[in-house]
Amino acid sequence: MIPIKDNIRLVRWPLITIALIVANVVAYLLAIANGGSIIGGPSAQTLVRYGAIPYEFAHWGQHCALGLGALGQSVLCTGQRGVIGAVGSQPATWLTAFTATFLNVNILQLVVNMVVLAVFGATLEDSLGRPAFLAFYVLGALAALALTVAVASNSAVPTLGTPGAIAAVLGGYIVFYPRARILSVSILVFFFNLVEVPACVWLALWLLFDAGFGALGVITPLGGDAGGAYYAGFGGLAFGLLVASALMRRRSSVGPERRLGV
């Protein structure tokens, strides 16, 4: 189910949302320019180099790179049992927390994430304000990474921050606009249909399909374990729900006055 628009009228142009979409697209093009394809996404080397690897954050000073393991090419990290050799020059570990925020594993993930950001991010930006929305987006990605590191500290599969940031946006949206309705395109084999569903139903469907794609390895970096992707998604979602709820409690109204309508 692909969202087209919601029924919340915007007061101002969503400049930060547009800028984030452009940044994600540019980052994707730069990533595949270093190896990869427009459909298949960045190369494994690029994902390992610029993705946020939980092992590196949990074992500060240790780094990971592609190497030859017992089952062929895999991500190996210094400090792991049986790993010998040194890792070449890489970006600082802290920096990958931010570079990963604008990485997408393939064109499918990029398109889906950007469509969701365009629909839900624009409305949330209108409510939070531009600087606050930018901070909300970035902190959502970092919160998603933090949960992944806490739960899967030995994972060498790169974590991408974009899904966590998108999940945070959805969490914030559902808190501010629980009664909103989302006009979406429902795709069933070769049949397309326009449907309007409550925002909470759309969020539930998104969680279901995201989990399904993760389990199939369609949107997981290097086709690895979907666990990291789940933790990132739920970490971002939890951040969005908690922060938006805290903001709601401190407000008597949500931003400028607006009304439902097409």
Protein backbone atom coordinates (compact mmCIF):
# COMPACT_ATOMS: atom_id res chain seq x y z
CA MET A 1 0.00 0.00 0.00
CA ILE A 2 1.67 3.20 -1.22
CA PRO A 3 0.65 6.49 0.44
CA ILE A 4 -0.22 9.42 -1.83
CA LYS A 5 -1.34 12.11 0.62
CA ASP A 6 -3.09 12.66 3.92
CA ASN A 7 -6.08 14.88 4.65
CA ILE A 8 -4.17 17.48 6.66
CA ARG A 9 -3.83 20.89 5.06
CA LEU A 10 -0.33 22.34 5.23
CA VAL A 11 0.26 25.91 6.36
CA ARG A 12 3.77 26.24 4.92
CA TRP A 13 6.05 24.57 2.38
CA PRO A 14 7.88 21.52 3.82
CA LEU A 15 11.35 22.76 2.92
CA ILE A 16 13.22 20.46 5.31
CA THR A 17 11.31 17.41 4.05
CA ILE A 18 12.17 18.33 0.47
CA ALA A 19 15.82 18.89 1.43
CA LEU A 20 15.99 15.50 3.18
CA ILE A 21 14.55 13.75 0.13
CA VAL A 22 17.10 15.47 -2.12
CA ALA A 23 19.91 14.57 0.32
CA ASN A 24 18.87 10.90 0.32
CA VAL A 25 18.71 10.75 -3.48
CA VAL A 26 22.07 12.50 -3.90
CA ALA A 27 23.65 10.23 -1.28
CA TYR A 28 22.29 7.18 -3.12
CA LEU A 29 23.73 8.34 -6.44
CA LEU A 30 27.11 9.09 -4.85
CA ALA A 31 27.09 5.69 -3.12
CA ILE A 32 26.45 3.71 -6.31
CA ALA A 33 29.04 5.83 -8.17
CA ASN A 34 31.64 4.17 -5.94
CA GLY A 35 30.42 0.74 -6.98
CA GLY A 36 26.95 -0.73 -7.34
CA SER A 37 23.95 -0.22 -9.58
CA ILE A 38 20.87 2.01 -9.72
CA ILE A 39 18.57 -0.95 -8.98
CA GLY A 40 20.71 -3.12 -6.75
CA GLY A 41 22.09 -0.22 -4.72
CA PRO A 42 25.57 0.52 -3.32
CA SER A 43 28.28 -2.11 -3.32
CA ALA A 44 29.00 -4.19 -0.26
CA GLN A 45 32.25 -2.26 0.24
CA THR A 46 30.36 1.06 0.34
CA LEU A 47 27.76 -0.25 2.80
CA VAL A 48 30.46 -1.57 5.11
CA ARG A 49 32.53 1.60 4.84
CA TYR A 50 29.75 4.14 5.41
CA GLY A 51 27.11 2.08 7.23
CA ALA A 52 26.99 2.11 11.03
CA ILE A 53 28.23 -1.29 12.25
CA PRO A 54 27.04 -2.15 15.79
CA TYR A 55 30.25 -4.08 16.55
CA GLU A 56 32.36 -0.95 15.98
CA PHE A 57 30.24 1.11 18.37
CA ALA A 58 30.20 -1.58 21.05
CA HIS A 59 33.95 -2.28 20.68
CA TRP A 60 35.31 1.23 20.30
CA GLY A 61 38.55 1.38 18.36
CA GLN A 62 37.91 -1.86 16.49
CA HIS A 63 36.94 -1.68 12.81
CA CYS A 64 35.31 -3.96 10.26
CA ALA A 65 35.85 -4.63 6.58
CA LEU A 66 35.02 -7.20 3.94
CA GLY A 67 37.23 -10.25 4.17
CA LEU A 68 37.31 -13.96 3.50
CA GLY A 69 35.68 -16.08 6.17
CA ALA A 70 34.83 -19.77 6.41
CA LEU A 71 31.74 -19.23 4.22
CA GLY A 72 33.35 -16.91 1.70
CA GLN A 73 33.28 -13.11 1.63
CA SER A 74 31.82 -11.63 4.79
CA VAL A 75 32.24 -8.70 7.18
CA LEU A 76 35.14 -9.35 9.54
CA CYS A 77 36.15 -7.16 12.47
CA THR A 78 39.39 -6.72 14.36
CA GLY A 79 39.13 -8.23 17.81
CA GLN A 80 36.91 -11.09 16.68
CA ARG A 81 38.18 -14.58 17.42
CA GLY A 82 40.21 -15.97 14.55
CA VAL A 83 40.44 -12.68 12.63
CA ILE A 84 43.94 -11.63 11.62
CA GLY A 85 45.21 -8.65 9.70
CA ALA A 86 44.46 -4.93 9.88
CA VAL A 87 41.65 -2.83 8.44
CA GLY A 88 42.63 -0.09 6.03
CA SER A 89 41.75 3.58 6.42
CA GLN A 90 38.06 4.10 7.20
CA PRO A 91 35.77 6.94 8.31
CA ALA A 92 35.69 7.51 12.07
CA THR A 93 33.13 5.29 13.80
CA TRP A 94 31.15 8.28 15.14
CA LEU A 95 30.93 9.72 11.62
CA THR A 96 29.26 6.58 10.25
CA ALA A 97 26.31 7.24 12.57
CA PHE A 98 25.55 10.23 10.33
CA THR A 99 26.61 8.88 6.92
CA ALA A 100 24.40 5.84 7.54
CA THR A 101 21.44 8.18 8.08
CA PHE A 102 21.38 8.86 4.33
CA LEU A 103 22.12 5.36 3.06
CA ASN A 104 19.54 3.09 1.42
CA VAL A 105 20.30 -0.49 0.50
CA ASN A 106 18.59 -0.50 -2.92
CA ILE A 107 16.23 1.45 -5.15
CA LEU A 108 13.13 -0.19 -3.63
CA GLN A 109 14.02 0.94 -0.14
CA LEU A 110 14.94 4.43 -1.38
CA VAL A 111 11.65 4.94 -3.24
CA VAL A 112 9.46 3.57 -0.43
CA ASN A 113 11.25 5.60 2.24
CA MET A 114 11.12 8.83 0.25
CA VAL A 115 7.41 8.46 -0.60
CA VAL A 116 6.61 7.86 3.07
CA LEU A 117 8.78 10.83 4.08
CA ALA A 118 7.08 13.08 1.52
CA VAL A 119 3.59 12.27 2.82
CA PHE A 120 4.12 12.02 6.57
CA GLY A 121 7.21 14.18 6.99
CA ALA A 122 5.64 17.23 5.37
CA THR A 123 2.75 17.26 7.84
CA LEU A 124 4.94 16.57 10.86
CA GLU A 125 7.34 19.32 9.80
CA ASP A 126 4.40 21.71 9.59
CA SER A 127 3.55 20.92 13.22
CA LEU A 128 7.03 20.83 14.74
CA GLY A 129 8.61 23.63 12.75
CA ARG A 130 11.59 23.26 10.42
CA PRO A 131 14.57 23.19 12.84
CA ALA A 132 12.75 20.92 15.30
CA PHE A 133 11.71 18.52 12.52
CA LEU A 134 15.29 18.26 11.24
CA ALA A 135 16.50 17.48 14.76
CA PHE A 136 13.64 14.98 15.19
CA TYR A 137 14.64 13.17 11.99
CA VAL A 138 18.34 12.92 12.78
CA LEU A 139 17.82 12.00 16.44
CA GLY A 140 15.32 9.34 15.37
CA ALA A 141 18.01 7.73 13.20
CA LEU A 142 20.51 7.89 16.07
CA ALA A 143 17.99 6.40 18.51
CA ALA A 144 17.40 3.53 16.10
CA LEU A 145 21.15 2.90 15.91
CA ALA A 146 21.48 3.08 19.71
CA LEU A 147 18.88 0.35 20.21
CA THR A 148 20.54 -1.84 17.59
CA VAL A 149 23.93 -1.45 19.29
CA ALA A 150 22.41 -2.19 22.70
CA VAL A 151 20.60 -5.34 21.56
CA ALA A 152 22.97 -6.67 18.88
CA SER A 153 26.37 -5.37 19.98
CA ASN A 154 28.30 -8.13 18.18
CA SER A 155 26.53 -7.70 14.85
CA ALA A 156 28.82 -6.87 11.93
CA VAL A 157 25.94 -6.17 9.55
CA PRO A 158 25.82 -2.44 8.67
CA THR A 159 22.85 -0.56 10.11
CA LEU A 160 21.28 2.08 7.87
CA GLY A 161 19.73 5.06 9.62
CA THR A 162 17.12 6.01 7.02
CA PRO A 163 14.57 3.33 8.05
CA GLY A 164 14.97 4.35 11.69
CA ALA A 165 14.44 8.02 10.85
CA ILE A 166 11.35 7.19 8.77
CA ALA A 167 9.99 5.08 11.62
CA ALA A 168 10.48 8.04 13.99
CA VAL A 169 8.54 10.27 11.60
CA LEU A 170 5.68 7.76 11.49
CA GLY A 171 5.68 7.49 15.29
CA GLY A 172 5.52 11.25 15.67
CA TYR A 173 2.81 11.55 13.05
CA ILE A 174 0.52 8.99 14.66
CA VAL A 175 0.76 10.83 18.00
CA PHE A 176 -0.08 14.22 16.52
CA TYR A 177 -2.67 13.00 14.02
CA PRO A 178 -4.25 9.74 15.20
CA ARG A 179 -7.49 10.52 13.35
CA ALA A 180 -5.89 11.47 10.04
CA ARG A 181 -6.73 9.47 6.94
CA ILE A 182 -4.23 8.40 4.32
CA LEU A 183 -5.12 8.16 0.63
CA SER A 184 -3.11 5.23 -0.72
CA VAL A 185 -2.70 3.07 -3.78
CA SER A 186 -3.47 -0.56 -3.02
CA ILE A 187 -1.59 -2.94 -5.29
CA LEU A 188 -2.82 -6.52 -5.72
CA VAL A 189 -0.97 -8.37 -8.48
CA PHE A 190 -1.87 -6.27 -11.57
CA PHE A 191 -4.82 -4.43 -10.01
CA PHE A 192 -4.54 -0.95 -8.57
CA ASN A 193 -7.11 0.70 -6.37
CA LEU A 194 -7.30 3.97 -4.43
CA VAL A 195 -8.26 3.53 -0.80
CA GLU A 196 -8.42 5.85 2.20
CA VAL A 197 -7.44 4.30 5.51
CA PRO A 198 -6.96 5.66 9.05
CA ALA A 199 -3.36 6.59 9.87
CA CYS A 200 -3.16 3.94 12.61
CA VAL A 201 -4.21 1.22 10.15
CA TRP A 202 -1.63 2.41 7.63
CA LEU A 203 1.08 2.32 10.31
CA ALA A 204 0.13 -1.26 11.25
CA LEU A 205 0.31 -2.31 7.58
CA TRP A 206 3.67 -0.58 7.21
CA LEU A 207 5.07 -2.48 10.19
CA LEU A 208 3.77 -5.75 8.72
CA PHE A 209 5.24 -5.22 5.26
CA ASP A 210 8.51 -3.84 6.65
CA ALA A 211 8.90 -6.96 8.76
CA GLY A 212 8.11 -9.13 5.73
CA PHE A 213 10.65 -7.42 3.48
CA GLY A 214 13.23 -7.63 6.26
CA ALA A 215 12.64 -11.34 6.76
CA LEU A 216 13.06 -11.93 3.01
CA GLY A 217 16.33 -9.98 3.00
CA VAL A 218 15.01 -7.50 0.42
CA ILE A 219 15.87 -4.40 2.45
CA THR A 220 18.58 -5.73 4.78
CA PRO A 221 22.19 -4.71 4.06
CA LEU A 222 24.28 -7.47 2.46
CA GLY A 223 21.24 -9.75 2.72
CA GLY A 224 22.12 -10.26 6.38
CA ASP A 225 20.10 -11.07 9.46
CA ALA A 226 16.89 -9.03 9.63
CA GLY A 227 17.31 -8.57 13.39
CA GLY A 228 19.25 -5.34 13.05
CA ALA A 229 16.63 -3.91 10.70
CA TYR A 230 13.87 -4.78 13.18
CA TYR A 231 15.71 -3.14 16.06
CA ALA A 232 16.36 -0.01 14.00
CA GLY A 233 12.72 0.24 12.96
CA PHE A 234 11.35 -0.26 16.43
CA GLY A 235 14.00 2.01 17.95
CA GLY A 236 13.02 4.84 15.62
CA LEU A 237 9.32 4.21 16.14
CA ALA A 238 9.70 4.20 19.93
CA PHE A 239 11.67 7.45 19.76
CA GLY A 240 8.97 9.08 17.64
CA LEU A 241 6.14 7.95 19.89
CA LEU A 242 7.87 8.98 23.13
CA VAL A 243 9.18 12.36 22.00
CA ALA A 244 5.96 13.33 20.23
CA SER A 245 3.94 12.32 23.30
CA ALA A 246 6.18 14.48 25.50
CA LEU A 247 5.72 17.41 23.14
CA MET A 248 1.97 16.91 23.10
CA ARG A 249 1.84 17.03 26.89
CA ARG A 250 3.67 20.36 26.85
CA ARG A 251 1.37 21.93 24.29
CA SER A 252 -2.16 23.13 24.62
CA SER A 253 -2.42 22.98 20.82
CA VAL A 254 -0.34 21.51 18.01
CA GLY A 255 1.28 24.29 16.02
CA PRO A 256 -0.82 26.63 13.91
CA GLU A 257 -4.53 25.92 13.69
CA ARG A 258 -5.47 23.57 10.88
CA ARG A 259 -8.49 21.53 9.89
CA LEU A 260 -9.06 18.24 8.18
CA GLY A 261 -9.93 18.34 4.53
CA VAL A 262 -8.62 17.52 1.08
